[in-house]
Protein backbone atom coordinates (compact mmCIF):
# COMPACT_ATOMS: atom_id res chain seq x y z
CA MET A 1 -0.26 25.80 46.36
CA LYS A 2 2.97 24.07 47.32
CA ILE A 3 6.04 24.60 45.15
CA GLU A 4 7.88 21.32 44.71
CA ASP A 5 11.41 20.67 43.52
CA LYS A 6 11.58 20.51 39.77
CA GLU A 7 12.61 17.31 38.08
CA ASN A 8 13.25 18.91 34.70
CA MET A 9 13.68 22.30 33.02
CA ARG A 10 14.10 23.64 29.49
CA LEU A 11 17.71 23.38 28.34
CA ASP A 12 18.10 27.08 27.44
CA LEU A 13 16.70 28.14 30.81
CA PHE A 14 18.90 25.68 32.72
CA LEU A 15 22.05 26.94 30.98
CA LYS A 16 21.18 30.50 32.00
CA LYS A 17 20.06 29.69 35.56
CA VAL A 18 23.26 27.80 36.40
CA LEU A 19 25.34 30.58 34.81
CA ILE A 20 26.95 28.40 32.13
CA ILE A 21 25.68 30.91 29.55
CA LYS A 22 24.88 34.45 30.66
CA GLN A 23 21.91 35.14 28.39
CA ARG A 24 19.01 32.83 27.54
CA GLU A 25 18.92 34.11 23.96
CA THR A 26 22.57 33.09 23.50
CA ALA A 27 21.74 29.64 24.89
CA LYS A 28 18.87 29.35 22.39
CA GLN A 29 21.13 30.37 19.50
CA LEU A 30 23.80 27.82 20.48
CA CYS A 31 21.16 25.07 20.72
CA ASP A 32 19.55 26.02 17.40
CA GLY A 33 22.99 26.12 15.77
CA GLY A 34 23.76 22.55 16.84
CA TYR A 35 26.49 23.54 19.32
CA VAL A 36 24.80 21.93 22.34
CA LYS A 37 24.34 18.21 22.93
CA VAL A 38 22.58 16.40 25.75
CA ASN A 39 23.66 12.81 26.34
CA GLY A 40 25.49 12.83 22.99
CA MET A 41 22.56 14.05 20.87
CA ALA A 42 22.00 17.53 19.41
CA ALA A 43 19.47 19.35 21.56
CA LYS A 44 16.96 22.10 20.87
CA PRO A 45 16.37 24.87 23.44
CA ALA A 46 13.04 23.39 24.61
CA ARG A 47 14.52 19.97 25.42
CA ASP A 48 14.01 19.00 29.06
CA VAL A 49 17.14 18.68 31.19
CA ARG A 50 17.05 16.06 33.93
CA ILE A 51 19.31 15.03 36.80
CA SER A 52 22.38 13.10 35.58
CA ASP A 53 22.16 14.43 31.99
CA LEU A 54 25.50 15.26 30.35
CA ILE A 55 25.47 18.60 28.54
CA GLU A 56 28.21 19.32 25.99
CA ILE A 57 28.70 22.84 24.64
CA GLU A 58 30.95 23.72 21.71
CA THR A 59 32.17 27.33 21.71
CA ALA A 60 34.95 29.30 20.03
CA GLN A 61 37.09 28.54 23.11
CA GLY A 62 36.58 24.77 22.84
CA MET A 63 34.29 22.06 24.22
CA GLU A 64 32.88 21.97 27.77
CA SER A 65 30.92 19.13 29.36
CA TYR A 66 28.68 19.49 32.42
CA ARG A 67 26.80 16.92 34.52
CA VAL A 68 23.37 17.98 35.85
CA LEU A 69 23.26 17.35 39.61
CA MET A 70 19.95 19.07 40.43
CA VAL A 71 17.39 21.22 38.62
CA PRO A 72 16.91 24.67 40.22
CA ASN A 73 13.53 26.09 41.22
CA GLY A 74 14.49 29.72 40.76
CA ASN A 75 17.44 32.04 40.37
CA LEU A 76 20.76 31.00 41.89
CA ARG A 77 23.58 32.85 43.56
CA LYS A 78 27.02 32.29 42.10
CA ASP A 79 28.10 30.29 45.15
CA GLU A 80 25.14 27.87 44.69
CA VAL A 81 25.88 26.87 41.08
CA GLY A 82 28.14 23.95 42.06
CA GLN A 83 25.17 22.23 43.72
CA TYR A 84 23.31 22.07 40.40
CA CYS A 85 25.97 21.16 37.83
CA GLU A 86 29.61 20.16 37.68
CA LEU A 87 32.21 20.75 34.98
CA VAL A 88 33.20 17.28 33.77
CA ASN A 89 35.57 18.17 30.97
CA LYS A 90 36.95 21.26 29.27
CA VAL A 91 38.99 20.99 26.08
CA ALA A 92 40.48 24.23 24.74
CA ASP A 93 40.49 24.80 20.99
CA HIS A 94 44.09 25.18 19.78
CA GLU A 95 43.77 26.45 16.24
């Protein structure tokens, strides 16, 4: 059976695979808590991520936005992450 490039992936898995969030469980909690948006809409962990989607993550440190460039097939090395997503915007929280 031939393994083809993926066109989509679960949001929580994508966030972990591209090393935006270190643990999948943390990604799930952020999604369930309403801290993650895809294309401007709150997103659950099972939402499919596709090429060109804009992912926004609200954390205690502020807001980060990422553009999906490609969807990975498997695990990535740190030096490969930039091929799959790019940081579009980072706004620090100044409380």
